[in-house]
Amino acid sequence: MSILERINLFSVIVSVLVFGFSGFFVYLNNRKSAINRAFLLFAFVEIVWNIVNYLSYKFYLSSFTLYLARATIFFAVWLVFSIFNFIYNFPKEKAELSKIYRFILVPFIAFVSLLTLTSFVFNRIEFLNSNVLKIINGPLFFLFGTTIFGLLIAGITILIKRIKK
């Protein structure tokens, strides 16, 4: 294992430990708080995404690499949604989720995340050489990108409005 690979693995381990401990510490501080639960969700999804993302660069078997790449973007959708959810709930003690949030946004996020596991978002992998691969996007990749970008913009907009208040 090269020094760069060791540093990469070390950074993943540190990230997992930091998010794991901070997520549970914040949650255990006040289990009923909506913001604490939102942070725990964010920490958990970040940990899983971090591990899957790391593994996706470690395997070069065509089908397994494709599954890991799809799993990475599956968890990326939930990671960005958990960040949005944290901002949406901040700094409330009780979650006040609108009908649009519960009945449109959450099902839409679930739908997009499930789409990432299909060939509609990541179609296939082409190996350029033994260590370099190219992912060929499917016809609905734009939906994944638009969803991620939209959640980030909406979260930043909400945060700026709350800071101005």
N, C-alpha and C. Protein backbone atom coordinates (compact mmCIF):
# COMPACT_ATOMS: atom_id res chain seq x y z
N MET A 1 0.86 -1.18 0.00
CA MET A 1 0.00 0.00 0.00
C MET A 1 0.90 1.24 0.00
N SER A 2 0.68 2.13 -0.95
CA SER A 2 1.50 3.34 -1.06
C SER A 2 1.14 4.33 0.04
N ILE A 3 1.98 5.34 0.21
CA ILE A 3 1.75 6.35 1.23
C ILE A 3 0.46 7.13 0.95
N LEU A 4 0.17 7.37 -0.35
CA LEU A 4 -1.07 8.07 -0.72
C LEU A 4 -2.30 7.24 -0.37
N GLU A 5 -2.23 5.95 -0.61
CA GLU A 5 -3.35 5.07 -0.26
C GLU A 5 -3.54 5.01 1.25
N ARG A 6 -2.46 5.02 2.00
CA ARG A 6 -2.55 5.03 3.47
C ARG A 6 -3.17 6.32 3.98
N ILE A 7 -2.77 7.43 3.39
CA ILE A 7 -3.35 8.72 3.78
C ILE A 7 -4.84 8.74 3.46
N ASN A 8 -5.21 8.23 2.30
CA ASN A 8 -6.61 8.17 1.89
C ASN A 8 -7.43 7.32 2.88
N LEU A 9 -6.91 6.14 3.21
CA LEU A 9 -7.60 5.28 4.17
C LEU A 9 -7.68 5.94 5.54
N PHE A 10 -6.59 6.57 5.97
CA PHE A 10 -6.56 7.26 7.26
C PHE A 10 -7.61 8.37 7.30
N SER A 11 -7.75 9.14 6.21
CA SER A 11 -8.73 10.22 6.19
C SER A 11 -10.16 9.68 6.26
N VAL A 12 -10.41 8.54 5.63
CA VAL A 12 -11.74 7.93 5.72
C VAL A 12 -12.01 7.47 7.14
N ILE A 13 -11.04 6.84 7.77
CA ILE A 13 -11.22 6.37 9.15
C ILE A 13 -11.46 7.54 10.09
N VAL A 14 -10.68 8.60 9.95
CA VAL A 14 -10.85 9.78 10.81
C VAL A 14 -12.23 10.39 10.59
N SER A 15 -12.65 10.51 9.33
CA SER A 15 -13.96 11.08 9.03
C SER A 15 -15.08 10.25 9.64
N VAL A 16 -14.98 8.93 9.50
CA VAL A 16 -16.01 8.03 10.05
C VAL A 16 -16.06 8.18 11.57
N LEU A 17 -14.92 8.21 12.22
CA LEU A 17 -14.90 8.34 13.68
C LEU A 17 -15.43 9.69 14.14
N VAL A 18 -15.01 10.76 13.48
CA VAL A 18 -15.46 12.10 13.88
C VAL A 18 -16.96 12.24 13.71
N PHE A 19 -17.47 11.84 12.54
CA PHE A 19 -18.92 11.97 12.32
C PHE A 19 -19.70 11.00 13.20
N GLY A 20 -19.17 9.83 13.44
CA GLY A 20 -19.85 8.87 14.30
C GLY A 20 -19.97 9.37 15.73
N PHE A 21 -18.85 9.79 16.30
CA PHE A 21 -18.87 10.28 17.67
C PHE A 21 -19.68 11.57 17.80
N SER A 22 -19.48 12.51 16.88
CA SER A 22 -20.22 13.77 17.00
C SER A 22 -21.72 13.55 16.78
N GLY A 23 -22.09 12.69 15.84
CA GLY A 23 -23.51 12.42 15.61
C GLY A 23 -24.20 11.84 16.83
N PHE A 24 -23.57 10.84 17.43
CA PHE A 24 -24.19 10.23 18.61
C PHE A 24 -24.10 11.13 19.82
N PHE A 25 -23.03 11.90 19.96
CA PHE A 25 -22.91 12.82 21.09
C PHE A 25 -24.00 13.88 21.04
N VAL A 26 -24.20 14.46 19.87
CA VAL A 26 -25.24 15.48 19.71
C VAL A 26 -26.61 14.87 19.95
N TYR A 27 -26.87 13.70 19.38
CA TYR A 27 -28.16 13.05 19.54
C TYR A 27 -28.43 12.70 21.00
N LEU A 28 -27.46 12.13 21.70
CA LEU A 28 -27.65 11.73 23.08
C LEU A 28 -27.79 12.92 24.01
N ASN A 29 -27.33 14.08 23.58
CA ASN A 29 -27.47 15.30 24.38
C ASN A 29 -28.94 15.69 24.54
N ASN A 30 -29.75 15.47 23.50
CA ASN A 30 -31.18 15.76 23.56
C ASN A 30 -31.87 14.94 22.47
N ARG A 31 -32.35 13.76 22.83
CA ARG A 31 -32.92 12.83 21.85
C ARG A 31 -34.22 13.32 21.23
N LYS A 32 -34.91 14.22 21.89
CA LYS A 32 -36.20 14.70 21.38
C LYS A 32 -36.06 15.86 20.40
N SER A 33 -34.89 16.46 20.33
CA SER A 33 -34.68 17.62 19.47
C SER A 33 -34.65 17.21 18.01
N ALA A 34 -35.44 17.92 17.19
CA ALA A 34 -35.48 17.64 15.75
C ALA A 34 -34.13 17.91 15.11
N ILE A 35 -33.47 18.96 15.54
CA ILE A 35 -32.18 19.29 14.94
C ILE A 35 -31.12 18.25 15.31
N ASN A 36 -31.19 17.71 16.52
CA ASN A 36 -30.23 16.68 16.92
C ASN A 36 -30.45 15.39 16.13
N ARG A 37 -31.72 15.04 15.90
CA ARG A 37 -32.01 13.86 15.09
C ARG A 37 -31.58 14.09 13.63
N ALA A 38 -31.79 15.31 13.14
CA ALA A 38 -31.38 15.62 11.77
C ALA A 38 -29.86 15.53 11.64
N PHE A 39 -29.13 15.97 12.66
CA PHE A 39 -27.67 15.88 12.61
C PHE A 39 -27.21 14.43 12.68
N LEU A 40 -27.89 13.61 13.49
CA LEU A 40 -27.54 12.19 13.56
C LEU A 40 -27.77 11.52 12.20
N LEU A 41 -28.87 11.84 11.54
CA LEU A 41 -29.14 11.30 10.21
C LEU A 41 -28.03 11.71 9.24
N PHE A 42 -27.67 12.99 9.27
CA PHE A 42 -26.60 13.48 8.41
C PHE A 42 -25.29 12.74 8.70
N ALA A 43 -24.94 12.59 9.96
CA ALA A 43 -23.68 11.92 10.33
C ALA A 43 -23.69 10.46 9.86
N PHE A 44 -24.80 9.77 10.05
CA PHE A 44 -24.89 8.36 9.64
C PHE A 44 -24.76 8.22 8.12
N VAL A 45 -25.49 9.04 7.37
CA VAL A 45 -25.44 8.95 5.91
C VAL A 45 -24.04 9.33 5.41
N GLU A 46 -23.42 10.31 6.04
CA GLU A 46 -22.07 10.71 5.64
C GLU A 46 -21.09 9.57 5.85
N ILE A 47 -21.22 8.86 6.95
CA ILE A 47 -20.34 7.72 7.24
C ILE A 47 -20.50 6.64 6.16
N VAL A 48 -21.73 6.28 5.86
CA VAL A 48 -21.98 5.23 4.87
C VAL A 48 -21.49 5.68 3.49
N TRP A 49 -21.79 6.92 3.12
CA TRP A 49 -21.33 7.43 1.83
C TRP A 49 -19.80 7.42 1.75
N ASN A 50 -19.16 7.84 2.81
CA ASN A 50 -17.70 7.89 2.85
C ASN A 50 -17.09 6.50 2.63
N ILE A 51 -17.63 5.51 3.29
CA ILE A 51 -17.12 4.13 3.17
C ILE A 51 -17.37 3.58 1.77
N VAL A 52 -18.59 3.75 1.26
CA VAL A 52 -18.92 3.24 -0.07
C VAL A 52 -18.09 3.96 -1.14
N ASN A 53 -17.91 5.25 -0.99
CA ASN A 53 -17.11 6.01 -1.93
C ASN A 53 -15.66 5.53 -1.92
N TYR A 54 -15.12 5.29 -0.75
CA TYR A 54 -13.75 4.77 -0.64
C TYR A 54 -13.65 3.40 -1.33
N LEU A 55 -14.59 2.53 -1.06
CA LEU A 55 -14.56 1.19 -1.66
C LEU A 55 -14.71 1.22 -3.17
N SER A 56 -15.45 2.20 -3.68
CA SER A 56 -15.66 2.27 -5.12
C SER A 56 -14.36 2.53 -5.88
N TYR A 57 -13.37 3.08 -5.22
CA TYR A 57 -12.07 3.31 -5.87
C TYR A 57 -11.09 2.18 -5.63
N LYS A 58 -11.49 1.18 -4.89
CA LYS A 58 -10.59 0.09 -4.54
C LYS A 58 -10.79 -1.16 -5.38
N PHE A 59 -11.93 -1.29 -6.02
CA PHE A 59 -12.23 -2.50 -6.78
C PHE A 59 -12.33 -2.18 -8.26
N TYR A 60 -11.75 -3.02 -9.07
CA TYR A 60 -11.78 -2.83 -10.51
C TYR A 60 -12.36 -4.06 -11.21
N LEU A 61 -13.47 -4.55 -10.67
CA LEU A 61 -14.22 -5.62 -11.30
C LEU A 61 -15.45 -4.97 -11.92
N SER A 62 -15.67 -5.17 -13.16
CA SER A 62 -16.67 -4.43 -13.91
C SER A 62 -18.02 -4.31 -13.22
N SER A 63 -18.64 -5.43 -12.90
CA SER A 63 -19.99 -5.36 -12.33
C SER A 63 -19.97 -4.82 -10.91
N PHE A 64 -19.00 -5.24 -10.10
CA PHE A 64 -18.94 -4.80 -8.70
C PHE A 64 -18.62 -3.31 -8.63
N THR A 65 -17.74 -2.83 -9.48
CA THR A 65 -17.39 -1.41 -9.51
C THR A 65 -18.61 -0.58 -9.89
N LEU A 66 -19.38 -1.07 -10.84
CA LEU A 66 -20.59 -0.36 -11.24
C LEU A 66 -21.58 -0.28 -10.08
N TYR A 67 -21.76 -1.37 -9.36
CA TYR A 67 -22.66 -1.36 -8.19
C TYR A 67 -22.18 -0.39 -7.12
N LEU A 68 -20.88 -0.37 -6.87
CA LEU A 68 -20.34 0.56 -5.88
C LEU A 68 -20.49 2.02 -6.34
N ALA A 69 -20.29 2.27 -7.62
CA ALA A 69 -20.48 3.63 -8.15
C ALA A 69 -21.94 4.06 -8.00
N ARG A 70 -22.84 3.14 -8.30
CA ARG A 70 -24.26 3.45 -8.13
C ARG A 70 -24.61 3.65 -6.66
N ALA A 71 -24.05 2.83 -5.79
CA ALA A 71 -24.30 2.99 -4.35
C ALA A 71 -23.75 4.32 -3.86
N THR A 72 -22.62 4.76 -4.40
CA THR A 72 -22.05 6.04 -4.00
C THR A 72 -23.00 7.18 -4.32
N ILE A 73 -23.58 7.19 -5.52
CA ILE A 73 -24.48 8.29 -5.83
C ILE A 73 -25.85 8.12 -5.16
N PHE A 74 -26.23 6.87 -4.87
CA PHE A 74 -27.44 6.64 -4.09
C PHE A 74 -27.31 7.33 -2.73
N PHE A 75 -26.19 7.08 -2.06
CA PHE A 75 -25.98 7.71 -0.75
C PHE A 75 -25.68 9.19 -0.87
N ALA A 76 -25.17 9.63 -2.02
CA ALA A 76 -24.95 11.06 -2.23
C ALA A 76 -26.27 11.81 -2.23
N VAL A 77 -27.30 11.22 -2.82
CA VAL A 77 -28.62 11.84 -2.80
C VAL A 77 -29.10 12.00 -1.36
N TRP A 78 -28.96 10.95 -0.57
CA TRP A 78 -29.40 11.01 0.82
C TRP A 78 -28.50 11.90 1.67
N LEU A 79 -27.24 12.00 1.31
CA LEU A 79 -26.32 12.89 2.04
C LEU A 79 -26.73 14.34 1.83
N VAL A 80 -26.96 14.72 0.59
CA VAL A 80 -27.37 16.10 0.31
C VAL A 80 -28.75 16.37 0.90
N PHE A 81 -29.64 15.39 0.83
CA PHE A 81 -30.96 15.56 1.44
C PHE A 81 -30.83 15.72 2.96
N SER A 82 -29.94 14.96 3.59
CA SER A 82 -29.79 15.08 5.05
C SER A 82 -29.21 16.44 5.43
N ILE A 83 -28.34 17.00 4.58
CA ILE A 83 -27.84 18.36 4.82
C ILE A 83 -28.99 19.35 4.70
N PHE A 84 -29.80 19.20 3.63
CA PHE A 84 -30.97 20.05 3.46
C PHE A 84 -31.91 19.91 4.65
N ASN A 85 -32.16 18.69 5.09
CA ASN A 85 -33.04 18.43 6.22
C ASN A 85 -32.52 19.11 7.49
N PHE A 86 -31.21 19.04 7.70
CA PHE A 86 -30.60 19.70 8.86
C PHE A 86 -30.84 21.21 8.80
N ILE A 87 -30.58 21.80 7.65
CA ILE A 87 -30.79 23.24 7.49
C ILE A 87 -32.27 23.59 7.62
N TYR A 88 -33.14 22.78 7.05
CA TYR A 88 -34.58 23.01 7.09
C TYR A 88 -35.09 23.01 8.54
N ASN A 89 -34.54 22.14 9.37
CA ASN A 89 -34.98 22.04 10.76
C ASN A 89 -34.25 22.98 11.71
N PHE A 90 -33.14 23.54 11.28
CA PHE A 90 -32.32 24.36 12.15
C PHE A 90 -33.02 25.67 12.47
N PRO A 91 -33.05 26.14 13.67
CA PRO A 91 -32.60 25.59 14.94
C PRO A 91 -33.76 25.07 15.79
N LYS A 92 -34.75 24.51 15.13
CA LYS A 92 -36.00 24.11 15.80
C LYS A 92 -35.80 22.88 16.70
N GLU A 93 -36.51 22.87 17.80
CA GLU A 93 -36.52 21.70 18.69
C GLU A 93 -37.52 20.66 18.19
N LYS A 94 -38.63 21.15 17.58
CA LYS A 94 -39.64 20.24 17.04
C LYS A 94 -39.68 20.40 15.54
N ALA A 95 -39.80 19.27 14.86
CA ALA A 95 -39.86 19.30 13.40
C ALA A 95 -41.26 19.73 12.96
N GLU A 96 -41.30 20.73 12.09
CA GLU A 96 -42.56 21.20 11.52
C GLU A 96 -42.46 20.99 10.01
N LEU A 97 -42.78 19.79 9.57
CA LEU A 97 -42.62 19.45 8.17
C LEU A 97 -43.93 19.69 7.43
N SER A 98 -43.85 20.49 6.39
CA SER A 98 -45.05 20.81 5.61
C SER A 98 -45.52 19.58 4.83
N LYS A 99 -46.74 19.69 4.30
CA LYS A 99 -47.27 18.59 3.48
C LYS A 99 -46.44 18.42 2.21
N ILE A 100 -45.97 19.52 1.65
CA ILE A 100 -45.13 19.44 0.45
C ILE A 100 -43.85 18.67 0.77
N TYR A 101 -43.27 18.96 1.92
CA TYR A 101 -42.04 18.28 2.34
C TYR A 101 -42.28 16.77 2.50
N ARG A 102 -43.34 16.44 3.23
CA ARG A 102 -43.61 15.03 3.55
C ARG A 102 -44.13 14.23 2.36
N PHE A 103 -45.02 14.82 1.56
CA PHE A 103 -45.71 14.05 0.53
C PHE A 103 -45.17 14.26 -0.89
N ILE A 104 -44.34 15.27 -1.08
CA ILE A 104 -43.77 15.48 -2.41
C ILE A 104 -42.24 15.35 -2.37
N LEU A 105 -41.59 16.11 -1.50
CA LEU A 105 -40.12 16.12 -1.49
C LEU A 105 -39.54 14.77 -1.07
N VAL A 106 -39.97 14.21 0.02
CA VAL A 106 -39.40 12.94 0.50
C VAL A 106 -39.65 11.81 -0.50
N PRO A 107 -40.88 11.64 -1.03
CA PRO A 107 -41.05 10.59 -2.06
C PRO A 107 -40.21 10.85 -3.32
N PHE A 108 -40.07 12.11 -3.70
CA PHE A 108 -39.25 12.43 -4.87
C PHE A 108 -37.79 12.06 -4.62
N ILE A 109 -37.26 12.36 -3.45
CA ILE A 109 -35.88 12.02 -3.11
C ILE A 109 -35.72 10.50 -3.11
N ALA A 110 -36.69 9.79 -2.55
CA ALA A 110 -36.63 8.32 -2.55
C ALA A 110 -36.64 7.79 -3.99
N PHE A 111 -37.46 8.37 -4.84
CA PHE A 111 -37.54 7.95 -6.24
C PHE A 111 -36.20 8.18 -6.96
N VAL A 112 -35.64 9.37 -6.80
CA VAL A 112 -34.37 9.69 -7.46
C VAL A 112 -33.26 8.78 -6.93
N SER A 113 -33.24 8.55 -5.63
CA SER A 113 -32.19 7.70 -5.06
C SER A 113 -32.30 6.27 -5.60
N LEU A 114 -33.51 5.77 -5.73
CA LEU A 114 -33.69 4.43 -6.29
C LEU A 114 -33.30 4.38 -7.78
N LEU A 115 -33.56 5.48 -8.49
CA LEU A 115 -33.15 5.55 -9.90
C LEU A 115 -31.63 5.44 -10.05
N THR A 116 -30.89 5.95 -9.08
CA THR A 116 -29.42 5.91 -9.17
C THR A 116 -28.89 4.48 -9.15
N LEU A 117 -29.69 3.57 -8.68
CA LEU A 117 -29.26 2.17 -8.62
C LEU A 117 -29.51 1.43 -9.94
N THR A 118 -30.02 2.13 -10.93
CA THR A 118 -30.35 1.52 -12.22
C THR A 118 -29.44 2.06 -13.32
N SER A 119 -29.59 1.52 -14.50
CA SER A 119 -28.81 1.98 -15.64
C SER A 119 -29.31 3.31 -16.19
N PHE A 120 -30.41 3.83 -15.66
CA PHE A 120 -30.93 5.12 -16.11
C PHE A 120 -30.03 6.28 -15.70
N VAL A 121 -29.23 6.09 -14.64
CA VAL A 121 -28.34 7.16 -14.18
C VAL A 121 -26.89 6.83 -14.53
N PHE A 122 -26.41 5.70 -14.09
CA PHE A 122 -25.09 5.21 -14.51
C PHE A 122 -25.33 3.98 -15.37
N ASN A 123 -25.05 4.10 -16.65
CA ASN A 123 -25.36 3.04 -17.59
C ASN A 123 -24.36 1.89 -17.51
N ARG A 124 -23.08 2.22 -17.66
CA ARG A 124 -22.06 1.17 -17.65
C ARG A 124 -20.70 1.79 -17.35
N ILE A 125 -19.72 0.91 -17.22
CA ILE A 125 -18.35 1.34 -16.98
C ILE A 125 -17.48 0.86 -18.13
N GLU A 126 -16.61 1.74 -18.58
CA GLU A 126 -15.60 1.36 -19.56
C GLU A 126 -14.24 1.51 -18.90
N PHE A 127 -13.41 0.50 -19.05
CA PHE A 127 -12.08 0.55 -18.47
C PHE A 127 -11.11 1.09 -19.51
N LEU A 128 -10.47 2.22 -19.19
CA LEU A 128 -9.50 2.80 -20.10
C LEU A 128 -8.15 2.08 -19.98
N ASN A 129 -7.81 1.67 -18.77
CA ASN A 129 -6.67 0.79 -18.51
C ASN A 129 -6.92 0.11 -17.17
N SER A 130 -5.95 -0.56 -16.61
CA SER A 130 -6.19 -1.36 -15.41
C SER A 130 -6.56 -0.53 -14.19
N ASN A 131 -6.20 0.77 -14.17
CA ASN A 131 -6.48 1.60 -12.99
C ASN A 131 -7.43 2.77 -13.27
N VAL A 132 -7.81 2.97 -14.51
CA VAL A 132 -8.64 4.13 -14.84
C VAL A 132 -9.92 3.63 -15.49
N LEU A 133 -11.04 4.13 -14.98
CA LEU A 133 -12.31 3.75 -15.57
C LEU A 133 -13.12 4.98 -15.92
N LYS A 134 -14.04 4.80 -16.81
CA LYS A 134 -14.92 5.87 -17.25
C LYS A 134 -16.35 5.38 -17.07
N ILE A 135 -17.15 6.17 -16.37
CA ILE A 135 -18.55 5.82 -16.17
C ILE A 135 -19.37 6.48 -17.26
N ILE A 136 -20.18 5.69 -17.93
CA ILE A 136 -21.06 6.19 -18.99
C ILE A 136 -22.42 6.48 -18.35
N ASN A 137 -22.81 7.74 -18.42
CA ASN A 137 -24.08 8.15 -17.81
C ASN A 137 -25.27 7.66 -18.61
N GLY A 138 -26.35 7.41 -17.88
CA GLY A 138 -27.60 7.02 -18.51
C GLY A 138 -28.44 8.24 -18.86
N PRO A 139 -29.61 8.01 -19.45
CA PRO A 139 -30.44 9.12 -19.92
C PRO A 139 -31.03 9.99 -18.81
N LEU A 140 -31.10 9.50 -17.58
CA LEU A 140 -31.69 10.29 -16.49
C LEU A 140 -30.64 10.81 -15.51
N PHE A 141 -29.38 10.85 -15.93
CA PHE A 141 -28.34 11.39 -15.06
C PHE A 141 -28.64 12.84 -14.69
N PHE A 142 -29.21 13.59 -15.65
CA PHE A 142 -29.53 14.99 -15.38
C PHE A 142 -30.48 15.13 -14.20
N LEU A 143 -31.38 14.16 -14.00
CA LEU A 143 -32.32 14.22 -12.88
C LEU A 143 -31.57 14.12 -11.55
N PHE A 144 -30.59 13.23 -11.50
CA PHE A 144 -29.74 13.12 -10.32
C PHE A 144 -29.02 14.45 -10.07
N GLY A 145 -28.37 14.98 -11.08
CA GLY A 145 -27.63 16.23 -10.93
C GLY A 145 -28.51 17.40 -10.54
N THR A 146 -29.66 17.49 -11.17
CA THR A 146 -30.60 18.57 -10.88
C THR A 146 -31.12 18.47 -9.45
N THR A 147 -31.38 17.26 -9.00
CA THR A 147 -31.87 17.05 -7.64
C THR A 147 -30.82 17.48 -6.62
N ILE A 148 -29.59 17.04 -6.82
CA ILE A 148 -28.51 17.40 -5.90
C ILE A 148 -28.31 18.92 -5.88
N PHE A 149 -28.21 19.49 -7.06
CA PHE A 149 -28.00 20.93 -7.18
C PHE A 149 -29.17 21.70 -6.56
N GLY A 150 -30.40 21.26 -6.84
CA GLY A 150 -31.59 21.93 -6.30
C GLY A 150 -31.64 21.89 -4.78
N LEU A 151 -31.32 20.74 -4.20
CA LEU A 151 -31.31 20.64 -2.74
C LEU A 151 -30.25 21.54 -2.12
N LEU A 152 -29.08 21.60 -2.74
CA LEU A 152 -28.02 22.46 -2.22
C LEU A 152 -28.41 23.93 -2.30
N ILE A 153 -28.95 24.35 -3.43
CA ILE A 153 -29.38 25.74 -3.60
C ILE A 153 -30.51 26.09 -2.63
N ALA A 154 -31.48 25.18 -2.49
CA ALA A 154 -32.59 25.42 -1.57
C ALA A 154 -32.08 25.51 -0.13
N GLY A 155 -31.17 24.62 0.25
CA GLY A 155 -30.61 24.65 1.60
C GLY A 155 -29.84 25.93 1.87
N ILE A 156 -29.02 26.34 0.92
CA ILE A 156 -28.24 27.58 1.09
C ILE A 156 -29.17 28.79 1.17
N THR A 157 -30.22 28.79 0.34
CA THR A 157 -31.19 29.88 0.36
C THR A 157 -31.89 29.97 1.71
N ILE A 158 -32.33 28.84 2.25
CA ILE A 158 -32.97 28.82 3.56
C ILE A 158 -32.01 29.31 4.63
N LEU A 159 -30.78 28.85 4.58
CA LEU A 159 -29.78 29.25 5.57
C LEU A 159 -29.51 30.75 5.51
N ILE A 160 -29.38 31.31 4.32
CA ILE A 160 -29.14 32.75 4.18
C ILE A 160 -30.31 33.54 4.73
N LYS A 161 -31.55 33.10 4.43
CA LYS A 161 -32.74 33.80 4.95
C LYS A 161 -32.77 33.76 6.47
N ARG A 162 -32.39 32.62 7.06
CA ARG A 162 -32.41 32.50 8.52
C ARG A 162 -31.31 33.33 9.16
N ILE A 163 -30.18 33.43 8.51
CA ILE A 163 -29.09 34.25 9.03
C ILE A 163 -29.49 35.72 9.00
N LYS A 164 -30.17 36.14 7.93
CA LYS A 164 -30.61 37.54 7.83
C LYS A 164 -31.63 37.91 8.88
N LYS A 165 -32.46 36.92 9.28
CA LYS A 165 -33.47 37.14 10.33
C LYS A 165 -32.75 37.36 11.64
